[in-house]
């Protein structure tokens, strides 16, 4: 684990995730602040307000959960739904080396005519919330799912950790558009994640059960339950402006909330909006198609085009140069 910093250390907190540990309660956690990340994600699309809110919430969850991913790992969160918002997908790319920023991207697919004036979570219907971890070449990917429910995407993530990993987990999030003196309106978000320290591998739980969705309260008892309940009561006192900032540094927030729990903080992880799409990746995805298939994809202008759903990048290719029957350079 990284060398602890002393609470009160001043760094640039926007677009960062700060890991911490509550030594007196045997609980770990993270504080996330997103500014440019949310702005970068949401400015790519003209989402209705309810969809924007869901994407912002999902991006915050991705930043908080993704910080646990080891170097060169990729974490993806996904919502699949029968509601107006059919899908929300996010990716977290861990830094490829120490000292670099992690990258987050996100997008949503929805039926505009089915959206209502109700709360954001009402726009998703029956479906599931999934977490997928790509551990790199030669390693088997991991996926876990839980039903959509609980009134928020954060509640779905809490249920996932309780059900799939047997880890009591709590999220407290705040996000929205912010503006100030001589400052254009822009998105800001912040959140805290609490998680009981695992007693064994989070993937070790097995056996038969009732099939019901577990909650954090089902996983703790005795002294652990007292610690968990006490820390959650303290987190309930947090205010939205404390979560979002920027006037309250995360270190000060932790001291205000949990000073009796002996908080320790570790090196913060910088995050930024970033996409992995490229022309080479587009060509690779088209390499499985024959010349006849490519002809069917060709526009009236005689081009093959592709758009990245995450960042909006547009690719315009010569059909003769894509597919497994493509002309080689120099021919």
Protein backbone atom coordinates (compact mmCIF):
# COMPACT_ATOMS: atom_id res chain seq x y z
CA UNK A 1 0.00 0.00 0.00
CA UNK A 2 1.20 3.51 -0.68
CA UNK A 3 2.87 5.48 2.06
CA UNK A 4 0.20 7.33 4.09
CA UNK A 5 -0.10 11.09 3.75
CA UNK A 6 -0.94 13.25 6.71
CA UNK A 7 -4.51 14.62 6.72
CA UNK A 8 -4.45 18.23 5.61
CA UNK A 9 -1.93 17.73 2.79
CA UNK A 10 -2.91 20.08 -0.02
CA UNK A 11 -3.03 18.80 -3.59
CA UNK A 12 -5.25 19.55 -6.59
CA UNK A 13 -8.37 17.59 -5.63
CA UNK A 14 -10.49 17.96 -8.77
CA UNK A 15 -10.55 14.79 -10.87
CA UNK A 16 -8.96 12.62 -8.23
CA UNK A 17 -9.76 9.66 -5.97
CA UNK A 18 -8.31 9.62 -2.45
CA UNK A 19 -8.06 6.21 -0.72
CA UNK A 20 -8.34 6.14 3.07
CA UNK A 21 -8.65 3.74 5.97
CA UNK A 22 -10.48 4.06 9.30
CA UNK A 23 -8.16 2.18 11.64
CA UNK A 24 -10.54 2.20 14.62
CA UNK A 25 -13.38 0.63 12.60
CA UNK A 26 -11.54 -1.75 10.24
CA UNK A 27 -13.14 0.03 7.29
CA UNK A 28 -11.54 1.34 4.10
CA UNK A 29 -12.89 3.84 1.62
CA UNK A 30 -12.35 6.43 -1.07
CA UNK A 31 -13.31 10.03 -1.70
CA UNK A 32 -13.82 11.04 -5.34
CA UNK A 33 -14.04 14.51 -6.86
CA UNK A 34 -14.88 14.78 -10.56
CA UNK A 35 -14.96 18.02 -12.51
CA UNK A 36 -13.31 17.88 -15.92
CA UNK A 37 -14.04 14.14 -16.15
CA UNK A 38 -17.81 14.67 -15.99
CA UNK A 39 -17.63 17.67 -18.29
CA UNK A 40 -15.58 15.65 -20.79
CA UNK A 41 -18.02 12.74 -20.71
CA UNK A 42 -21.25 14.70 -20.93
CA UNK A 43 -20.28 17.38 -23.44
CA UNK A 44 -19.92 14.66 -26.10
CA UNK A 45 -23.69 14.12 -26.10
CA UNK A 46 -26.84 16.18 -25.85
CA UNK A 47 -28.43 13.99 -23.19
CA UNK A 48 -31.76 14.91 -21.54
CA UNK A 49 -31.34 15.88 -17.84
CA UNK A 50 -32.45 12.48 -16.47
CA UNK A 51 -29.96 10.66 -18.70
CA UNK A 52 -27.18 13.10 -17.77
CA UNK A 53 -27.83 12.40 -14.09
CA UNK A 54 -27.62 8.62 -14.59
CA UNK A 55 -24.40 8.89 -16.58
CA UNK A 56 -22.88 11.22 -13.96
CA UNK A 57 -23.82 8.81 -11.16
CA UNK A 58 -22.37 5.87 -13.08
CA UNK A 59 -19.13 7.77 -13.75
CA UNK A 60 -18.73 8.53 -10.03
CA UNK A 61 -19.28 4.88 -9.13
CA UNK A 62 -16.74 3.89 -11.79
CA UNK A 63 -14.10 6.26 -10.36
CA UNK A 64 -14.65 5.02 -6.79
CA UNK A 65 -14.69 1.31 -7.66
CA UNK A 66 -12.04 1.55 -10.36
CA UNK A 67 -9.40 2.92 -8.00
CA UNK A 68 -9.10 -0.60 -6.53
CA UNK A 69 -8.09 -1.97 -9.95
CA UNK A 70 -4.40 -2.81 -10.21
CA UNK A 71 -2.08 -1.40 -12.84
CA UNK A 72 -2.99 -2.24 -16.43
CA UNK A 73 -6.40 -3.59 -15.47
CA UNK A 74 -9.68 -2.40 -16.99
CA UNK A 75 -12.96 -2.18 -15.09
CA UNK A 76 -16.33 -1.78 -16.81
CA UNK A 77 -19.73 -1.02 -15.30
CA UNK A 78 -22.87 -1.61 -17.31
CA UNK A 79 -26.61 -1.23 -16.92
CA UNK A 80 -28.90 -3.16 -19.26
CA UNK A 81 -32.57 -2.25 -18.93
CA UNK A 82 -35.98 -2.65 -20.51
CA UNK A 83 -36.78 0.95 -19.58
CA UNK A 84 -36.39 4.19 -21.50
CA UNK A 85 -32.66 4.17 -20.75
CA UNK A 86 -31.69 0.89 -22.37
CA UNK A 87 -28.00 0.88 -21.51
CA UNK A 88 -25.32 2.79 -19.62
CA UNK A 89 -21.72 1.72 -20.13
CA UNK A 90 -18.57 3.00 -18.44
CA UNK A 91 -14.93 1.98 -18.61
CA UNK A 92 -12.09 2.68 -16.18
CA UNK A 93 -8.57 2.21 -17.53
CA UNK A 94 -6.01 1.95 -14.76
CA UNK A 95 -2.73 3.83 -15.26
CA UNK A 96 -0.23 1.91 -17.36
CA UNK A 97 2.52 3.02 -15.00
CA UNK A 98 2.92 4.68 -11.60
CA UNK A 99 2.25 8.41 -11.52
CA UNK A 100 -0.02 8.46 -14.58
CA UNK A 101 -3.72 9.32 -14.65
CA UNK A 102 -6.46 6.74 -14.86
CA UNK A 103 -9.00 7.26 -17.66
CA UNK A 104 -12.79 7.08 -17.59
CA UNK A 105 -15.29 7.09 -20.43
CA UNK A 106 -19.08 6.60 -20.46
CA UNK A 107 -22.16 6.73 -22.64
CA UNK A 108 -25.87 5.90 -22.54
CA UNK A 109 -28.40 4.55 -25.04
CA UNK A 110 -32.05 5.59 -24.59
CA UNK A 111 -35.47 6.03 -26.22
CA UNK A 112 -36.25 9.74 -25.97
CA UNK A 113 -39.98 9.24 -26.50
CA UNK A 114 -40.21 6.91 -23.50
CA UNK A 115 -38.56 9.27 -21.00
CA UNK A 116 -40.82 10.68 -18.29
CA UNK A 117 -40.66 13.67 -15.95
CA UNK A 118 -39.99 11.33 -13.03
CA UNK A 119 -36.70 10.80 -11.15
CA UNK A 120 -33.66 9.66 -13.08
CA UNK A 121 -33.72 6.09 -11.76
CA UNK A 122 -37.34 5.73 -12.90
CA UNK A 123 -36.03 5.85 -16.48
CA UNK A 124 -34.50 2.40 -16.12
CA UNK A 125 -36.78 -0.58 -15.82
CA UNK A 126 -36.28 -4.26 -15.25
CA UNK A 127 -32.73 -5.30 -15.94
CA UNK A 128 -29.34 -5.78 -14.36
CA UNK A 129 -26.27 -3.96 -13.10
CA UNK A 130 -22.95 -5.57 -14.04
CA UNK A 131 -19.31 -5.17 -13.09
CA UNK A 132 -16.65 -6.63 -15.38
CA UNK A 133 -12.90 -6.78 -14.75
CA UNK A 134 -10.38 -7.42 -17.52
CA UNK A 135 -7.21 -8.52 -15.74
CA UNK A 136 -5.05 -8.38 -18.83
CA UNK A 137 -3.69 -10.75 -21.44
CA UNK A 138 -3.67 -14.37 -20.37
CA UNK A 139 -6.06 -13.78 -17.46
CA UNK A 140 -9.70 -14.83 -17.35
CA UNK A 141 -12.12 -11.85 -17.26
CA UNK A 142 -14.44 -11.61 -14.26
CA UNK A 143 -18.12 -10.58 -14.40
CA UNK A 144 -20.76 -10.24 -11.71
CA UNK A 145 -24.36 -9.02 -12.01
CA UNK A 146 -27.20 -7.99 -9.74
CA UNK A 147 -30.81 -6.97 -10.54
CA UNK A 148 -31.64 -3.30 -10.90
CA UNK A 149 -33.40 -1.99 -7.82
CA UNK A 150 -33.10 0.03 -4.66
CA UNK A 151 -33.92 3.42 -6.16
CA UNK A 152 -30.46 4.38 -7.43
CA UNK A 153 -27.45 3.07 -9.31
CA UNK A 154 -25.45 3.44 -6.07
CA UNK A 155 -27.89 1.06 -4.35
CA UNK A 156 -27.39 -1.41 -7.20
CA UNK A 157 -23.62 -1.24 -6.70
CA UNK A 158 -24.05 -1.80 -2.94
CA UNK A 159 -26.20 -4.86 -3.65
CA UNK A 160 -23.60 -6.15 -6.11
CA UNK A 161 -20.81 -6.04 -3.51
CA UNK A 162 -23.00 -7.65 -0.86
CA UNK A 163 -24.28 -10.39 -3.17
CA UNK A 164 -21.31 -11.17 -5.39
CA UNK A 165 -18.32 -10.37 -3.20
CA UNK A 166 -19.71 -10.59 0.35
CA UNK A 167 -18.34 -7.12 1.12
CA UNK A 168 -20.49 -4.61 3.07
CA UNK A 169 -20.30 -1.44 0.96
CA UNK A 170 -21.87 2.02 1.11
CA UNK A 171 -21.88 4.91 -1.37
CA UNK A 172 -22.82 8.52 -0.71
CA UNK A 173 -22.85 10.59 -3.91
CA UNK A 174 -23.69 14.10 -5.04
CA UNK A 175 -23.52 15.55 -8.55
CA UNK A 176 -25.00 18.32 -10.65
CA UNK A 177 -24.28 21.49 -12.60
CA UNK A 178 -22.32 24.16 -10.78
CA UNK A 179 -21.48 27.77 -11.51
CA UNK A 180 -19.69 30.55 -9.69
CA UNK A 181 -18.39 34.11 -10.17
CA UNK A 182 -16.72 34.43 -13.56
CA UNK A 183 -17.24 30.69 -14.07
CA UNK A 184 -19.35 29.01 -16.75
CA UNK A 185 -21.89 26.42 -15.68
CA UNK A 186 -20.29 22.98 -15.63
CA UNK A 187 -20.72 19.54 -14.09
CA UNK A 188 -19.24 18.63 -10.73
CA UNK A 189 -19.56 15.45 -8.71
CA UNK A 190 -18.24 13.96 -5.53
CA UNK A 191 -18.73 10.90 -3.42
CA UNK A 192 -17.55 8.67 -0.61
CA UNK A 193 -17.28 4.88 -0.73
CA UNK A 194 -17.07 2.83 2.47
CA UNK A 195 -16.20 -0.85 2.49
CA UNK A 196 -15.65 -3.30 5.30
CA UNK A 197 -12.16 -4.76 5.22
CA UNK A 198 -12.37 -8.25 3.64
CA UNK A 199 -11.55 -11.23 5.83
CA UNK A 200 -10.85 -13.40 2.76
CA UNK A 201 -10.75 -13.10 -1.00
CA UNK A 202 -13.85 -11.22 -2.19
CA UNK A 203 -14.30 -13.86 -4.89
CA UNK A 204 -14.15 -16.80 -2.46
CA UNK A 205 -17.80 -16.80 -1.37
CA UNK A 206 -19.73 -19.79 -2.66
CA UNK A 207 -22.58 -22.09 -1.78
CA UNK A 208 -26.32 -22.19 -2.20
CA UNK A 209 -28.69 -19.51 -0.99
CA UNK A 210 -32.23 -18.26 -1.20
CA UNK A 211 -31.64 -16.15 -4.30
CA UNK A 212 -32.61 -12.93 -2.53
CA UNK A 213 -30.45 -9.83 -2.96
CA UNK A 214 -28.26 -9.29 0.09
CA UNK A 215 -27.51 -5.96 1.75
CA UNK A 216 -24.54 -4.81 3.81
CA UNK A 217 -26.52 -5.38 7.02
CA UNK A 218 -26.79 -9.09 6.21
CA UNK A 219 -23.00 -9.49 6.28
CA UNK A 220 -21.95 -7.98 9.62
CA UNK A 221 -22.69 -8.94 13.20
CA UNK A 222 -21.42 -8.28 16.71
CA UNK A 223 -18.52 -5.83 16.99
CA UNK A 224 -18.26 -5.50 13.20
CA UNK A 225 -21.92 -4.49 13.03
CA UNK A 226 -21.38 -1.82 15.69
CA UNK A 227 -18.44 -0.38 13.76
CA UNK A 228 -20.28 -0.48 10.44
CA UNK A 229 -23.43 1.16 11.82
CA UNK A 230 -21.48 3.86 13.65
CA UNK A 231 -19.43 4.86 10.59
CA UNK A 232 -22.55 4.88 8.38
CA UNK A 233 -24.33 7.18 10.84
CA UNK A 234 -21.36 9.55 10.64
CA UNK A 235 -21.45 9.45 6.83
CA UNK A 236 -25.16 10.34 6.94
CA UNK A 237 -24.18 13.77 8.32
CA UNK A 238 -22.26 14.72 5.17
CA UNK A 239 -23.60 17.68 3.18
CA UNK A 240 -23.81 17.88 -0.60
CA UNK A 241 -21.40 20.82 -0.83
CA UNK A 242 -18.87 18.90 1.24
CA UNK A 243 -19.00 16.04 -1.26
CA UNK A 244 -18.74 18.19 -4.36
CA UNK A 245 -16.29 20.80 -3.06
CA UNK A 246 -14.21 22.63 -4.10
CA UNK A 247 -13.97 24.59 -0.83
CA UNK A 248 -13.65 21.49 1.41
CA UNK A 249 -10.58 19.30 0.68
CA UNK A 250 -11.27 15.56 1.01
CA UNK A 251 -8.76 15.35 3.87
CA UNK A 252 -10.71 17.97 5.84
CA UNK A 253 -13.94 16.14 5.03
CA UNK A 254 -12.56 12.88 6.41
CA UNK A 255 -11.41 14.58 9.61
CA UNK A 256 -14.79 16.26 10.05
CA UNK A 257 -16.70 13.00 9.53
CA UNK A 258 -14.45 10.37 11.03
CA UNK A 259 -11.86 12.00 13.33
CA UNK A 260 -12.60 9.50 16.14
CA UNK A 261 -12.15 6.56 13.73
CA UNK A 262 -8.44 7.41 13.18
CA UNK A 263 -8.51 8.07 9.41
CA UNK A 264 -5.36 7.49 7.38
CA UNK A 265 -5.07 8.70 3.79
CA UNK A 266 -2.91 7.35 0.98
CA UNK A 267 -1.70 8.67 -2.35
CA UNK A 268 -4.49 10.16 -4.44
CA UNK A 269 -5.12 8.78 -7.94
CA UNK A 270 -5.64 11.34 -10.70
CA UNK A 271 -8.37 10.55 -13.23
CA UNK A 272 -9.28 12.12 -16.55
CA UNK A 273 -11.73 11.66 -19.37
CA UNK A 274 -10.12 9.45 -21.98
CA UNK A 275 -11.11 7.14 -24.79
CA UNK A 276 -9.18 4.26 -26.33
CA UNK A 277 -10.75 4.42 -29.78
CA UNK A 278 -8.45 4.86 -32.80
CA UNK A 279 -8.41 4.30 -36.54
CA UNK A 280 -6.32 1.18 -36.01
CA UNK A 281 -8.95 -0.26 -33.65
CA UNK A 282 -11.71 0.48 -36.18
CA UNK A 283 -9.72 -1.25 -38.90
CA UNK A 284 -9.12 -4.21 -36.60
CA UNK A 285 -12.84 -4.54 -35.84
CA UNK A 286 -13.58 -4.54 -39.60
CA UNK A 287 -10.86 -7.05 -40.41
CA UNK A 288 -13.25 -10.00 -39.99
CA UNK A 289 -15.42 -8.89 -42.94
CA UNK A 290 -15.08 -9.84 -46.59
CA UNK A 291 -15.02 -7.36 -49.46
CA UNK A 292 -18.69 -8.18 -50.14
CA UNK A 293 -19.58 -7.37 -46.49
CA UNK A 294 -17.60 -4.14 -46.64
CA UNK A 295 -19.47 -3.16 -49.81
CA UNK A 296 -22.74 -3.41 -47.90
CA UNK A 297 -21.35 -1.00 -45.28
CA UNK A 298 -20.16 1.52 -47.86
CA UNK A 299 -22.05 4.84 -48.01
CA UNK A 300 -23.41 6.45 -51.18
CA UNK A 301 -20.29 8.63 -51.09
CA UNK A 302 -18.13 5.53 -51.39
CA UNK A 303 -16.74 5.55 -47.84
CA UNK A 304 -16.91 3.34 -44.75
CA UNK A 305 -17.62 5.42 -41.66
CA UNK A 306 -17.70 4.72 -37.94
CA UNK A 307 -18.48 6.84 -34.89
CA UNK A 308 -17.29 6.21 -31.34
CA UNK A 309 -20.24 6.20 -28.95
CA UNK A 310 -18.02 7.21 -26.03
CA UNK A 311 -16.15 10.25 -27.35
CA UNK A 312 -17.91 11.09 -30.62
CA UNK A 313 -14.81 10.58 -32.80
CA UNK A 314 -15.68 10.09 -36.49
CA UNK A 315 -13.69 7.76 -38.76
CA UNK A 316 -13.89 7.94 -42.55
CA UNK A 317 -12.16 5.09 -44.38
CA UNK A 318 -11.56 3.96 -47.94
CA UNK A 319 -13.50 0.66 -48.31
CA UNK A 320 -10.68 -0.80 -50.38
CA UNK A 321 -8.38 -0.60 -47.35
CA UNK A 322 -10.55 -2.43 -44.78
CA UNK A 323 -11.61 -6.05 -44.30
CA UNK A 324 -9.54 -9.20 -44.64
CA UNK A 325 -9.42 -8.77 -48.42
CA UNK A 326 -8.16 -5.20 -48.15
CA UNK A 327 -5.55 -3.87 -50.51
CA UNK A 328 -2.10 -3.89 -48.96
CA UNK A 329 -0.07 -0.74 -48.79
CA UNK A 330 1.86 -0.21 -52.01
CA UNK A 331 -0.44 -2.32 -54.18
